[in-house]
Amino acid sequence: MKSFYDFNVESPQEREERNKLYPELASFHIALREELSEEEYQQFYTAEKEISQKHMPQNQNQKQQWITA
């Protein structure tokens, strides 16, 4: 499952999907964007995205395989 920060905010469809999956976080970011300057908000967003990526499990090297009994 994608994290809030994995969606492409330039795509209206992805942004809509993100807002449906994470309504509270989307509302928080809308309010935060109104309170901060664009530069401050971008710094915050970038830092949160980096933290999110560090804590998400890395599934890149996992292969799917059948489990046999």
Protein backbone atom coordinates (compact mmCIF):
# COMPACT_ATOMS: atom_id res chain seq x y z
CA MET A 1 0.00 0.00 0.00
CA LYS A 2 1.25 3.47 -0.84
CA SER A 3 2.04 5.92 1.88
CA PHE A 4 0.56 9.42 1.80
CA TYR A 5 3.81 10.71 0.34
CA ASP A 6 4.11 8.15 -2.48
CA PHE A 7 1.31 9.66 -4.55
CA ASN A 8 2.01 12.04 -7.43
CA VAL A 9 0.47 15.33 -6.30
CA GLU A 10 0.66 16.66 -9.88
CA SER A 11 -1.89 14.04 -10.98
CA PRO A 12 -5.50 14.94 -10.06
CA GLN A 13 -6.50 11.25 -10.02
CA GLU A 14 -3.68 10.25 -7.69
CA ARG A 15 -4.29 13.25 -5.47
CA GLU A 16 -7.98 12.33 -5.21
CA GLU A 17 -7.11 8.71 -4.39
CA ARG A 18 -4.62 9.86 -1.74
CA ASN A 19 -7.22 12.15 -0.16
CA LYS A 20 -9.75 9.29 -0.03
CA LEU A 21 -7.25 6.91 1.58
CA TYR A 22 -5.85 9.46 4.04
CA PRO A 23 -8.61 12.05 4.70
CA GLU A 24 -7.28 13.25 8.07
CA LEU A 25 -3.74 13.66 6.83
CA ALA A 26 -4.97 15.42 3.68
CA SER A 27 -6.97 17.88 5.81
CA PHE A 28 -3.93 18.46 8.00
CA HIS A 29 -1.77 19.26 4.98
CA ILE A 30 -4.39 21.63 3.57
CA ALA A 31 -4.49 23.54 6.86
CA LEU A 32 -0.72 23.49 7.17
CA ARG A 33 -0.32 24.85 3.66
CA GLU A 34 -2.56 27.78 4.56
CA GLU A 35 -0.47 28.59 7.64
CA LEU A 36 3.06 28.22 6.22
CA SER A 37 4.82 29.91 3.36
CA GLU A 38 5.29 27.76 0.26
CA GLU A 39 9.00 27.31 1.05
CA GLU A 40 8.30 26.27 4.65
CA TYR A 41 5.60 23.86 3.55
CA GLN A 42 7.85 22.26 0.91
CA GLN A 43 10.62 21.80 3.49
CA PHE A 44 8.15 20.16 5.88
CA TYR A 45 6.68 17.94 3.14
CA THR A 46 10.13 16.83 1.95
CA ALA A 47 11.25 16.01 5.50
CA GLU A 48 8.07 14.02 6.20
CA LYS A 49 8.44 12.14 2.92
CA GLU A 50 12.02 11.17 3.76
CA ILE A 51 11.00 9.97 7.22
CA SER A 52 8.09 8.02 5.75
CA GLN A 53 10.35 6.27 3.25
CA LYS A 54 12.83 5.29 5.97
CA HIS A 55 10.11 3.65 8.06
CA MET A 56 8.24 1.87 5.28
CA PRO A 57 9.21 -1.78 4.75
CA GLN A 58 11.36 -2.26 1.70
CA ASN A 59 9.61 -4.85 -0.50
CA GLN A 60 11.84 -4.38 -3.50
CA ASN A 61 13.77 -7.65 -3.22
CA GLN A 62 10.97 -9.97 -2.18
CA LYS A 63 9.85 -12.63 -4.64
CA GLN A 64 6.41 -14.15 -4.52
CA GLN A 65 6.50 -17.89 -4.17
CA TRP A 66 4.15 -20.72 -3.32
CA ILE A 67 4.29 -22.16 0.17
CA THR A 68 4.17 -25.93 0.20
CA ALA A 69 3.31 -28.18 3.09
